[in-house]
Amino acid sequence: MTGSTTFLQVVAIDQGTPGAFLGEFTLSDTGYRFANGTQQLLTNTVDWTVREESFGDAGQSPVSRGVNGASPWGTRSVSSSAEWIWSSDLSGSCARYFSTPIMQAVPEPAT
C-alpha cells in the first residue's frame, strides 16, 4: 500500500544497571525511508520511542546516556554519532521496547 507506515521494533534487555541501547540501521529497499527521510538511522532521542512494559504501552521519548564511546559501555562498531538511549526509569534488570517508523516512499507524480 503506497504511503503506508510500518515500524522497526527492538526489544532491549538490561541485565543490570545502567541500561542503554545503541544501534545503526540501514534499509536496503529504496522504496522505504525512516522518519528522518533517509535509509539510515542511528539511535537518538528524536526518531525513536521507548515503552517500558510492551509495544502496546504509551510511548515516551528516550533519554540519551551519551554518544558511542561513553562510559561505562565504551566504543562499539557503529557510528560515533549514535546515542546510547534508554527510558527515564533506570530500574535494574528489565526489558525496554524501542520503535521507529519506516515509511513507504510515495512516488513522485508523473510529468
PDB file of N, CA and C in Angstrom:
ATOM      1  N   MET A   1       0.843  -1.177   0.000  1.00  0.00           N
ATOM      2  CA  MET A   1       0.000   0.000   0.000  1.00  0.00           C
ATOM      3  C   MET A   1       0.891   1.244   0.000  1.00  0.00           C
ATOM      4  N   THR A   2       0.740   2.089  -0.954  1.00  0.00           N
ATOM      5  CA  THR A   2       1.554   3.291  -1.086  1.00  0.00           C
ATOM      6  C   THR A   2       1.308   4.223   0.092  1.00  0.00           C
ATOM      7  N   GLY A   3       2.401   4.756   0.648  1.00  0.00           N
ATOM      8  CA  GLY A   3       2.303   5.699   1.749  1.00  0.00           C
ATOM      9  C   GLY A   3       2.067   5.058   3.104  1.00  0.00           C
ATOM     10  N   SER A   4       2.105   3.740   3.192  1.00  0.00           N
ATOM     11  CA  SER A   4       1.851   3.070   4.472  1.00  0.00           C
ATOM     12  C   SER A   4       3.063   3.186   5.400  1.00  0.00           C
ATOM     13  N   THR A   5       2.810   3.014   6.695  1.00  0.00           N
ATOM     14  CA  THR A   5       3.870   3.085   7.692  1.00  0.00           C
ATOM     15  C   THR A   5       3.948   1.761   8.442  1.00  0.00           C
ATOM     16  N   THR A   6       5.149   1.248   8.593  1.00  0.00           N
ATOM     17  CA  THR A   6       5.409   0.096   9.436  1.00  0.00           C
ATOM     18  C   THR A   6       6.450   0.537  10.463  1.00  0.00           C
ATOM     19  N   PHE A   7       6.871  -0.369  11.315  1.00  0.00           N
ATOM     20  CA  PHE A   7       7.804   0.016  12.369  1.00  0.00           C
ATOM     21  C   PHE A   7       8.938  -0.986  12.500  1.00  0.00           C
ATOM     22  N   LEU A   8      10.103  -0.477  12.789  1.00  0.00           N
ATOM     23  CA  LEU A   8      11.218  -1.295  13.240  1.00  0.00           C
ATOM     24  C   LEU A   8      11.088  -1.328  14.755  1.00  0.00           C
ATOM     25  N   GLN A   9      10.971  -2.526  15.316  1.00  0.00           N
ATOM     26  CA  GLN A   9      10.808  -2.665  16.760  1.00  0.00           C
ATOM     27  C   GLN A   9      11.941  -3.513  17.321  1.00  0.00           C
ATOM     28  N   VAL A  10      12.506  -3.059  18.440  1.00  0.00           N
ATOM     29  CA  VAL A  10      13.637  -3.724  19.073  1.00  0.00           C
ATOM     30  C   VAL A  10      13.344  -3.890  20.556  1.00  0.00           C
ATOM     31  N   VAL A  11      13.495  -5.113  21.055  1.00  0.00           N
ATOM     32  CA  VAL A  11      13.408  -5.346  22.495  1.00  0.00           C
ATOM     33  C   VAL A  11      14.838  -5.352  23.027  1.00  0.00           C
ATOM     34  N   ALA A  12      15.125  -4.451  23.955  1.00  0.00           N
ATOM     35  CA  ALA A  12      16.454  -4.361  24.566  1.00  0.00           C
ATOM     36  C   ALA A  12      16.340  -4.835  26.006  1.00  0.00           C
ATOM     37  N   ILE A  13      17.227  -5.733  26.409  1.00  0.00           N
ATOM     38  CA  ILE A  13      17.174  -6.303  27.753  1.00  0.00           C
ATOM     39  C   ILE A  13      18.370  -5.832  28.565  1.00  0.00           C
ATOM     40  N   ASP A  14      18.068  -5.216  29.696  1.00  0.00           N
ATOM     41  CA  ASP A  14      19.089  -4.751  30.633  1.00  0.00           C
ATOM     42  C   ASP A  14      19.268  -5.842  31.682  1.00  0.00           C
ATOM     43  N   GLN A  15      20.469  -6.356  31.789  1.00  0.00           N
ATOM     44  CA  GLN A  15      20.732  -7.413  32.768  1.00  0.00           C
ATOM     45  C   GLN A  15      21.374  -6.860  34.028  1.00  0.00           C
ATOM     46  N   GLY A  16      21.315  -5.563  34.188  1.00  0.00           N
ATOM     47  CA  GLY A  16      21.851  -4.881  35.359  1.00  0.00           C
ATOM     48  C   GLY A  16      22.103  -3.425  35.027  1.00  0.00           C
ATOM     49  N   THR A  17      21.924  -2.559  35.976  1.00  0.00           N
ATOM     50  CA  THR A  17      22.049  -1.119  35.755  1.00  0.00           C
ATOM     51  C   THR A  17      23.469  -0.746  35.389  1.00  0.00           C
ATOM     52  N   PRO A  18      23.733   0.210  34.553  1.00  0.00           N
ATOM     53  CA  PRO A  18      22.762   1.009  33.807  1.00  0.00           C
ATOM     54  C   PRO A  18      22.453   0.393  32.446  1.00  0.00           C
ATOM     55  N   GLY A  19      21.227   0.560  31.987  1.00  0.00           N
ATOM     56  CA  GLY A  19      20.816   0.030  30.698  1.00  0.00           C
ATOM     57  C   GLY A  19      20.939   1.071  29.609  1.00  0.00           C
ATOM     58  N   ALA A  20      21.220   0.622  28.395  1.00  0.00           N
ATOM     59  CA  ALA A  20      21.259   1.513  27.240  1.00  0.00           C
ATOM     60  C   ALA A  20      21.209   0.687  25.957  1.00  0.00           C
ATOM     61  N   PHE A  21      20.696   1.294  24.910  1.00  0.00           N
ATOM     62  CA  PHE A  21      20.548   0.669  23.595  1.00  0.00           C
ATOM     63  C   PHE A  21      21.275   1.548  22.587  1.00  0.00           C
ATOM     64  N   LEU A  22      22.092   0.931  21.737  1.00  0.00           N
ATOM     65  CA  LEU A  22      22.876   1.642  20.731  1.00  0.00           C
ATOM     66  C   LEU A  22      22.750   0.907  19.416  1.00  0.00           C
ATOM     67  N   GLY A  23      22.544   1.639  18.325  1.00  0.00           N
ATOM     68  CA  GLY A  23      22.448   0.955  17.050  1.00  0.00           C
ATOM     69  C   GLY A  23      22.572   1.866  15.851  1.00  0.00           C
ATOM     70  N   GLU A  24      22.838   1.237  14.710  1.00  0.00           N
ATOM     71  CA  GLU A  24      22.932   1.893  13.413  1.00  0.00           C
ATOM     72  C   GLU A  24      22.188   0.990  12.435  1.00  0.00           C
ATOM     73  N   PHE A  25      21.190   1.525  11.747  1.00  0.00           N
ATOM     74  CA  PHE A  25      20.301   0.720  10.924  1.00  0.00           C
ATOM     75  C   PHE A  25      20.254   1.258   9.502  1.00  0.00           C
ATOM     76  N   THR A  26      20.170   0.337   8.517  1.00  0.00           N
ATOM     77  CA  THR A  26      20.118   0.708   7.107  1.00  0.00           C
ATOM     78  C   THR A  26      19.022  -0.093   6.418  1.00  0.00           C
ATOM     79  N   LEU A  27      18.218   0.586   5.617  1.00  0.00           N
ATOM     80  CA  LEU A  27      17.201  -0.076   4.809  1.00  0.00           C
ATOM     81  C   LEU A  27      17.791  -0.362   3.440  1.00  0.00           C
ATOM     82  N   SER A  28      17.590  -1.553   2.922  1.00  0.00           N
ATOM     83  CA  SER A  28      18.164  -1.913   1.621  1.00  0.00           C
ATOM     84  C   SER A  28      17.197  -1.676   0.466  1.00  0.00           C
ATOM     85  N   ASP A  29      15.915  -1.572   0.739  1.00  0.00           N
ATOM     86  CA  ASP A  29      14.919  -1.356  -0.312  1.00  0.00           C
ATOM     87  C   ASP A  29      14.721   0.149  -0.499  1.00  0.00           C
ATOM     88  N   THR A  30      15.018   0.650  -1.693  1.00  0.00           N
ATOM     89  CA  THR A  30      14.930   2.092  -1.949  1.00  0.00           C
ATOM     90  C   THR A  30      13.501   2.632  -1.882  1.00  0.00           C
ATOM     91  N   GLY A  31      12.538   1.756  -1.768  1.00  0.00           N
ATOM     92  CA  GLY A  31      11.144   2.186  -1.664  1.00  0.00           C
ATOM     93  C   GLY A  31      10.728   2.557  -0.252  1.00  0.00           C
ATOM     94  N   TYR A  32      11.653   2.489   0.689  1.00  0.00           N
ATOM     95  CA  TYR A  32      11.318   2.769   2.092  1.00  0.00           C
ATOM     96  C   TYR A  32      12.283   3.773   2.699  1.00  0.00           C
ATOM     97  N   ARG A  33      11.794   4.527   3.683  1.00  0.00           N
ATOM     98  CA  ARG A  33      12.588   5.538   4.384  1.00  0.00           C
ATOM     99  C   ARG A  33      12.235   5.516   5.864  1.00  0.00           C
ATOM    100  N   PHE A  34      13.216   5.847   6.688  1.00  0.00           N
ATOM    101  CA  PHE A  34      12.927   6.084   8.100  1.00  0.00           C
ATOM    102  C   PHE A  34      12.255   7.448   8.212  1.00  0.00           C
ATOM    103  N   ALA A  35      11.737   7.768   9.388  1.00  0.00           N
ATOM    104  CA  ALA A  35      11.054   9.046   9.609  1.00  0.00           C
ATOM    105  C   ALA A  35      11.966  10.239   9.366  1.00  0.00           C
ATOM    106  N   ASN A  36      13.290  10.034   9.455  1.00  0.00           N
ATOM    107  CA  ASN A  36      14.221  11.138   9.202  1.00  0.00           C
ATOM    108  C   ASN A  36      14.394  11.404   7.703  1.00  0.00           C
ATOM    109  N   GLY A  37      13.688  10.643   6.854  1.00  0.00           N
ATOM    110  CA  GLY A  37      13.722  10.855   5.412  1.00  0.00           C
ATOM    111  C   GLY A  37      14.839  10.141   4.683  1.00  0.00           C
ATOM    112  N   THR A  38      15.648   9.380   5.399  1.00  0.00           N
ATOM    113  CA  THR A  38      16.769   8.677   4.780  1.00  0.00           C
ATOM    114  C   THR A  38      16.621   7.168   4.977  1.00  0.00           C
ATOM    115  N   GLN A  39      17.561   6.430   4.413  1.00  0.00           N
ATOM    116  CA  GLN A  39      17.567   4.982   4.577  1.00  0.00           C
ATOM    117  C   GLN A  39      18.522   4.537   5.676  1.00  0.00           C
ATOM    118  N   GLN A  40      19.080   5.494   6.392  1.00  0.00           N
ATOM    119  CA  GLN A  40      19.980   5.171   7.503  1.00  0.00           C
ATOM    120  C   GLN A  40      19.500   5.878   8.758  1.00  0.00           C
ATOM    121  N   LEU A  41      19.604   5.184   9.892  1.00  0.00           N
ATOM    122  CA  LEU A  41      19.151   5.763  11.153  1.00  0.00           C
ATOM    123  C   LEU A  41      20.038   5.268  12.288  1.00  0.00           C
ATOM    124  N   LEU A  42      20.408   6.186  13.143  1.00  0.00           N
ATOM    125  CA  LEU A  42      21.160   5.881  14.360  1.00  0.00           C
ATOM    126  C   LEU A  42      20.205   5.957  15.543  1.00  0.00           C
ATOM    127  N   THR A  43      20.574   5.343  16.644  1.00  0.00           N
ATOM    128  CA  THR A  43      19.784   5.539  17.853  1.00  0.00           C
ATOM    129  C   THR A  43      19.972   6.984  18.300  1.00  0.00           C
ATOM    130  N   ASN A  44      18.854   7.616  18.664  1.00  0.00           N
ATOM    131  CA  ASN A  44      18.847   9.004  19.108  1.00  0.00           C
ATOM    132  C   ASN A  44      17.546   9.273  19.859  1.00  0.00           C
ATOM    133  N   THR A  45      17.405  10.439  20.417  1.00  0.00           N
ATOM    134  CA  THR A  45      16.215  10.757  21.209  1.00  0.00           C
ATOM    135  C   THR A  45      15.097  11.385  20.389  1.00  0.00           C
ATOM    136  N   VAL A  46      15.325  11.603  19.094  1.00  0.00           N
ATOM    137  CA  VAL A  46      14.327  12.252  18.242  1.00  0.00           C
ATOM    138  C   VAL A  46      13.503  11.241  17.450  1.00  0.00           C
ATOM    139  N   ASP A  47      14.156  10.263  16.843  1.00  0.00           N
ATOM    140  CA  ASP A  47      13.485   9.355  15.908  1.00  0.00           C
ATOM    141  C   ASP A  47      12.992   8.049  16.529  1.00  0.00           C
ATOM    142  N   TRP A  48      13.270   7.838  17.796  1.00  0.00           N
ATOM    143  CA  TRP A  48      12.879   6.602  18.477  1.00  0.00           C
ATOM    144  C   TRP A  48      11.873   6.886  19.588  1.00  0.00           C
ATOM    145  N   THR A  49      11.043   5.882  19.879  1.00  0.00           N
ATOM    146  CA  THR A  49      10.119   5.900  21.012  1.00  0.00           C
ATOM    147  C   THR A  49      10.464   4.698  21.875  1.00  0.00           C
ATOM    148  N   VAL A  50      10.359   4.860  23.195  1.00  0.00           N
ATOM    149  CA  VAL A  50      10.607   3.740  24.104  1.00  0.00           C
ATOM    150  C   VAL A  50       9.357   3.493  24.939  1.00  0.00           C
ATOM    151  N   ARG A  51       9.119   2.218  25.223  1.00  0.00           N
ATOM    152  CA  ARG A  51       7.998   1.802  26.078  1.00  0.00           C
ATOM    153  C   ARG A  51       8.557   0.900  27.169  1.00  0.00           C
ATOM    154  N   GLU A  52       7.947   0.951  28.356  1.00  0.00           N
ATOM    155  CA  GLU A  52       8.508   0.232  29.496  1.00  0.00           C
ATOM    156  C   GLU A  52       7.945  -1.167  29.719  1.00  0.00           C
ATOM    157  N   GLU A  53       6.748  -1.463  29.232  1.00  0.00           N
ATOM    158  CA  GLU A  53       6.144  -2.776  29.508  1.00  0.00           C
ATOM    159  C   GLU A  53       5.925  -3.627  28.263  1.00  0.00           C
ATOM    160  N   SER A  54       5.562  -2.997  27.140  1.00  0.00           N
ATOM    161  CA  SER A  54       5.299  -3.729  25.895  1.00  0.00           C
ATOM    162  C   SER A  54       5.177  -2.716  24.762  1.00  0.00           C
ATOM    163  N   PHE A  55       5.105  -3.212  23.524  1.00  0.00           N
ATOM    164  CA  PHE A  55       4.923  -2.310  22.389  1.00  0.00           C
ATOM    165  C   PHE A  55       3.543  -1.666  22.393  1.00  0.00           C
ATOM    166  N   GLY A  56       2.625  -2.172  23.213  1.00  0.00           N
ATOM    167  CA  GLY A  56       1.283  -1.607  23.312  1.00  0.00           C
ATOM    168  C   GLY A  56       1.166  -0.459  24.297  1.00  0.00           C
ATOM    169  N   ASP A  57       2.189  -0.218  25.099  1.00  0.00           N
ATOM    170  CA  ASP A  57       2.165   0.870  26.082  1.00  0.00           C
ATOM    171  C   ASP A  57       2.232   2.235  25.407  1.00  0.00           C
ATOM    172  N   ALA A  58       1.917   3.252  26.204  1.00  0.00           N
ATOM    173  CA  ALA A  58       2.114   4.630  25.739  1.00  0.00           C
ATOM    174  C   ALA A  58       3.614   4.860  25.599  1.00  0.00           C
ATOM    175  N   GLY A  59       4.023   5.403  24.483  1.00  0.00           N
ATOM    176  CA  GLY A  59       5.437   5.635  24.243  1.00  0.00           C
ATOM    177  C   GLY A  59       5.917   6.934  24.864  1.00  0.00           C
ATOM    178  N   GLN A  60       7.219   6.994  25.069  1.00  0.00           N
ATOM    179  CA  GLN A  60       7.848   8.203  25.569  1.00  0.00           C
ATOM    180  C   GLN A  60       9.149   8.411  24.807  1.00  0.00           C
ATOM    181  N   SER A  61       9.659   9.618  24.868  1.00  0.00           N
ATOM    182  CA  SER A  61      10.955   9.890  24.248  1.00  0.00           C
ATOM    183  C   SER A  61      12.040   9.247  25.088  1.00  0.00           C
ATOM    184  N   PRO A  62      13.001   8.592  24.451  1.00  0.00           N
ATOM    185  CA  PRO A  62      14.095   8.017  25.227  1.00  0.00           C
ATOM    186  C   PRO A  62      15.015   9.118  25.759  1.00  0.00           C
ATOM    187  N   VAL A  63      15.811   8.744  26.738  1.00  0.00           N
ATOM    188  CA  VAL A  63      16.782   9.646  27.345  1.00  0.00           C
ATOM    189  C   VAL A  63      18.159   9.265  26.820  1.00  0.00           C
ATOM    190  N   SER A  64      18.969  10.263  26.466  1.00  0.00           N
ATOM    191  CA  SER A  64      20.321   9.997  25.993  1.00  0.00           C
ATOM    192  C   SER A  64      21.230   9.721  27.180  1.00  0.00           C
ATOM    193  N   ARG A  65      22.036   8.663  27.065  1.00  0.00           N
ATOM    194  CA  ARG A  65      23.038   8.324  28.081  1.00  0.00           C
ATOM    195  C   ARG A  65      24.443   8.653  27.563  1.00  0.00           C
ATOM    196  N   GLY A  66      24.503   9.372  26.421  1.00  0.00           N
ATOM    197  CA  GLY A  66      25.784   9.750  25.823  1.00  0.00           C
ATOM    198  C   GLY A  66      25.951   9.120  24.453  1.00  0.00           C
ATOM    199  N   VAL A  67      26.921   9.594  23.714  1.00  0.00           N
ATOM    200  CA  VAL A  67      27.184   9.055  22.372  1.00  0.00           C
ATOM    201  C   VAL A  67      28.071   7.820  22.462  1.00  0.00           C
ATOM    202  N   ASN A  68      28.168   7.103  21.365  1.00  0.00           N
ATOM    203  CA  ASN A  68      29.013   5.915  21.281  1.00  0.00           C
ATOM    204  C   ASN A  68      30.404   6.265  21.826  1.00  0.00           C
ATOM    205  N   GLY A  69      30.894   5.483  22.747  1.00  0.00           N
ATOM    206  CA  GLY A  69      32.176   5.730  23.389  1.00  0.00           C
ATOM    207  C   GLY A  69      32.026   6.150  24.842  1.00  0.00           C
ATOM    208  N   ALA A  70      30.783   6.492  25.249  1.00  0.00           N
ATOM    209  CA  ALA A  70      30.543   6.935  26.627  1.00  0.00           C
ATOM    210  C   ALA A  70      30.731   5.787  27.605  1.00  0.00           C
ATOM    211  N   SER A  71      31.183   6.123  28.788  1.00  0.00           N
ATOM    212  CA  SER A  71      31.339   5.150  29.868  1.00  0.00           C
ATOM    213  C   SER A  71      29.961   4.821  30.434  1.00  0.00           C
ATOM    214  N   PRO A  72      29.690   3.628  30.832  1.00  0.00           N
ATOM    215  CA  PRO A  72      30.591   2.500  31.024  1.00  0.00           C
ATOM    216  C   PRO A  72      30.640   1.541  29.839  1.00  0.00           C
ATOM    217  N   TRP A  73      29.972   1.878  28.728  1.00  0.00           N
ATOM    218  CA  TRP A  73      29.834   0.927  27.624  1.00  0.00           C
ATOM    219  C   TRP A  73      31.009   0.939  26.652  1.00  0.00           C
ATOM    220  N   GLY A  74      31.704   2.043  26.557  1.00  0.00           N
ATOM    221  CA  GLY A  74      32.823   2.123  25.630  1.00  0.00           C
ATOM    222  C   GLY A  74      32.376   2.307  24.194  1.00  0.00           C
ATOM    223  N   THR A  75      33.292   2.085  23.275  1.00  0.00           N
ATOM    224  CA  THR A  75      33.036   2.290  21.850  1.00  0.00           C
ATOM    225  C   THR A  75      32.658   0.976  21.183  1.00  0.00           C
ATOM    226  N   ARG A  76      31.606   1.025  20.394  1.00  0.00           N
ATOM    227  CA  ARG A  76      31.145  -0.136  19.628  1.00  0.00           C
ATOM    228  C   ARG A  76      31.321   0.163  18.145  1.00  0.00           C
ATOM    229  N   SER A  77      31.193  -0.854  17.310  1.00  0.00           N
ATOM    230  CA  SER A  77      31.437  -0.701  15.873  1.00  0.00           C
ATOM    231  C   SER A  77      30.217  -0.145  15.138  1.00  0.00           C
ATOM    232  N   VAL A  78      29.725   0.994  15.605  1.00  0.00           N
ATOM    233  CA  VAL A  78      28.683   1.758  14.921  1.00  0.00           C
ATOM    234  C   VAL A  78      29.152   3.207  14.881  1.00  0.00           C
ATOM    235  N   SER A  79      28.420   4.045  14.203  1.00  0.00           N
ATOM    236  CA  SER A  79      28.794   5.455  14.072  1.00  0.00           C
ATOM    237  C   SER A  79      29.056   6.102  15.437  1.00  0.00           C
ATOM    238  N   SER A  80      30.052   6.966  15.472  1.00  0.00           N
ATOM    239  CA  SER A  80      30.364   7.676  16.715  1.00  0.00           C
ATOM    240  C   SER A  80      29.273   8.681  17.078  1.00  0.00           C
ATOM    241  N   SER A  81      28.336   8.954  16.160  1.00  0.00           N
ATOM    242  CA  SER A  81      27.224   9.871  16.433  1.00  0.00           C
ATOM    243  C   SER A  81      26.014   9.166  17.036  1.00  0.00           C
ATOM    244  N   ALA A  82      25.998   7.833  17.029  1.00  0.00           N
ATOM    245  CA  ALA A  82      24.883   7.096  17.620  1.00  0.00           C
ATOM    246  C   ALA A  82      24.857   7.358  19.120  1.00  0.00           C
ATOM    247  N   GLU A  83      23.653   7.498  19.670  1.00  0.00           N
ATOM    248  CA  GLU A  83      23.499   7.756  21.097  1.00  0.00           C
ATOM    249  C   GLU A  83      23.081   6.481  21.833  1.00  0.00           C
ATOM    250  N   TRP A  84      23.617   6.300  23.030  1.00  0.00           N
ATOM    251  CA  TRP A  84      23.132   5.274  23.943  1.00  0.00           C
ATOM    252  C   TRP A  84      21.822   5.812  24.500  1.00  0.00           C
ATOM    253  N   ILE A  85      20.690   5.121  24.261  1.00  0.00           N
ATOM    254  CA  ILE A  85      19.394   5.605  24.729  1.00  0.00           C
ATOM    255  C   ILE A  85      18.728   4.566  25.627  1.00  0.00           C
ATOM    256  N   TRP A  86      17.844   5.049  26.491  1.00  0.00           N
ATOM    257  CA  TRP A  86      17.078   4.186  27.394  1.00  0.00           C
ATOM    258  C   TRP A  86      15.883   4.973  27.887  1.00  0.00           C
ATOM    259  N   SER A  87      15.030   4.334  28.663  1.00  0.00           N
ATOM    260  CA  SER A  87      13.908   5.049  29.259  1.00  0.00           C
ATOM    261  C   SER A  87      14.413   5.886  30.437  1.00  0.00           C
ATOM    262  N   SER A  88      13.577   6.790  30.914  1.00  0.00           N
ATOM    263  CA  SER A  88      13.986   7.621  32.051  1.00  0.00           C
ATOM    264  C   SER A  88      14.063   6.801  33.335  1.00  0.00           C
ATOM    265  N   ASP A  89      13.395   5.648  33.357  1.00  0.00           N
ATOM    266  CA  ASP A  89      13.402   4.755  34.519  1.00  0.00           C
ATOM    267  C   ASP A  89      14.638   3.857  34.461  1.00  0.00           C
ATOM    268  N   LEU A  90      15.487   3.949  35.450  1.00  0.00           N
ATOM    269  CA  LEU A  90      16.721   3.134  35.476  1.00  0.00           C
ATOM    270  C   LEU A  90      16.597   1.962  36.448  1.00  0.00           C
ATOM    271  N   SER A  91      15.536   1.203  36.328  1.00  0.00           N
ATOM    272  CA  SER A  91      15.243   0.170  37.313  1.00  0.00           C
ATOM    273  C   SER A  91      15.904  -1.170  37.047  1.00  0.00           C
ATOM    274  N   GLY A  92      17.185  -1.284  37.102  1.00  0.00           N
ATOM    275  CA  GLY A  92      17.870  -2.580  37.028  1.00  0.00           C
ATOM    276  C   GLY A  92      17.376  -3.508  35.941  1.00  0.00           C
ATOM    277  N   SER A  93      17.496  -4.805  36.159  1.00  0.00           N
ATOM    278  CA  SER A  93      17.161  -5.819  35.159  1.00  0.00           C
ATOM    279  C   SER A  93      15.732  -5.666  34.649  1.00  0.00           C
ATOM    280  N   CYS A  94      15.601  -5.404  33.341  1.00  0.00           N
ATOM    281  CA  CYS A  94      14.289  -5.200  32.736  1.00  0.00           C
ATOM    282  C   CYS A  94      14.429  -5.207  31.221  1.00  0.00           C
ATOM    283  N   ALA A  95      13.304  -5.191  30.546  1.00  0.00           N
ATOM    284  CA  ALA A  95      13.282  -5.056  29.092  1.00  0.00           C
ATOM    285  C   ALA A  95      12.659  -3.711  28.750  1.00  0.00           C
ATOM    286  N   ARG A  96      13.108  -3.120  27.659  1.00  0.00           N
ATOM    287  CA  ARG A  96      12.525  -1.899  27.135  1.00  0.00           C
ATOM    288  C   ARG A  96      12.228  -2.129  25.658  1.00  0.00           C
ATOM    289  N   TYR A  97      11.193  -1.462  25.172  1.00  0.00           N
ATOM    290  CA  TYR A  97      10.661  -1.704  23.843  1.00  0.00           C
ATOM    291  C   TYR A  97      10.825  -0.437  23.001  1.00  0.00           C
ATOM    292  N   PHE A  98      11.730  -0.491  22.033  1.00  0.00           N
ATOM    293  CA  PHE A  98      12.045   0.657  21.194  1.00  0.00           C
ATOM    294  C   PHE A  98      11.412   0.491  19.819  1.00  0.00           C
ATOM    295  N   SER A  99      10.910   1.587  19.259  1.00  0.00           N
ATOM    296  CA  SER A  99      10.360   1.522  17.907  1.00  0.00           C
ATOM    297  C   SER A  99      10.610   2.836  17.170  1.00  0.00           C
ATOM    298  N   THR A 100      10.661   2.711  15.855  1.00  0.00           N
ATOM    299  CA  THR A 100      10.812   3.860  14.969  1.00  0.00           C
ATOM    300  C   THR A 100      10.043   3.555  13.691  1.00  0.00           C
ATOM    301  N   PRO A 101       9.356   4.547  13.120  1.00  0.00           N
ATOM    302  CA  PRO A 101       8.574   4.284  11.908  1.00  0.00           C
ATOM    303  C   PRO A 101       9.440   4.115  10.662  1.00  0.00           C
ATOM    304  N   ILE A 102       8.949   3.265   9.779  1.00  0.00           N
ATOM    305  CA  ILE A 102       9.516   3.094   8.442  1.00  0.00           C
ATOM    306  C   ILE A 102       8.367   3.362   7.477  1.00  0.00           C
ATOM    307  N   MET A 103       8.568   4.309   6.582  1.00  0.00           N
ATOM    308  CA  MET A 103       7.504   4.694   5.662  1.00  0.00           C
ATOM    309  C   MET A 103       7.827   4.277   4.238  1.00  0.00           C
ATOM    310  N   GLN A 104       6.797   3.843   3.549  1.00  0.00           N
ATOM    311  CA  GLN A 104       6.984   3.523   2.149  1.00  0.00           C
ATOM    312  C   GLN A 104       7.072   4.847   1.408  1.00  0.00           C
ATOM    313  N   ALA A 105       8.049   4.956   0.540  1.00  0.00           N
ATOM    314  CA  ALA A 105       8.218   6.195  -0.224  1.00  0.00           C
ATOM    315  C   ALA A 105       7.025   6.407  -1.136  1.00  0.00           C
ATOM    316  N   VAL A 106       6.547   7.641  -1.180  1.00  0.00           N
ATOM    317  CA  VAL A 106       5.445   7.983  -2.069  1.00  0.00           C
ATOM    318  C   VAL A 106       6.055   8.391  -3.402  1.00  0.00           C
ATOM    319  N   PRO A 107       5.678   7.704  -4.472  1.00  0.00           N
ATOM    320  CA  PRO A 107       6.282   8.023  -5.766  1.00  0.00           C
ATOM    321  C   PRO A 107       5.934   9.447  -6.216  1.00  0.00           C
ATOM    322  N   GLU A 108       6.870  10.069  -6.908  1.00  0.00           N
ATOM    323  CA  GLU A 108       6.630  11.401  -7.469  1.00  0.00           C
ATOM    324  C   GLU A 108       5.592  11.269  -8.575  1.00  0.00           C
ATOM    325  N   PRO A 109       4.712  12.268  -8.698  1.00  0.00           N
ATOM    326  CA  PRO A 109       3.724  12.206  -9.788  1.00  0.00           C
ATOM    327  C   PRO A 109       4.427  12.251 -11.155  1.00  0.00           C
ATOM    328  N   ALA A 110       3.869  11.533 -12.079  1.00  0.00           N
ATOM    329  CA  ALA A 110       4.431  11.508 -13.437  1.00  0.00           C
ATOM    330  C   ALA A 110       4.274  12.889 -14.068  1.00  0.00           C
ATOM    331  N   THR A 111       5.282  13.284 -14.850  1.00  0.00           N
ATOM    332  CA  THR A 111       5.188  14.600 -15.512  1.00  0.00           C
ATOM    333  C   THR A 111       4.843  14.431 -16.969  1.00  0.00           C
TER     334      THR A 111
END
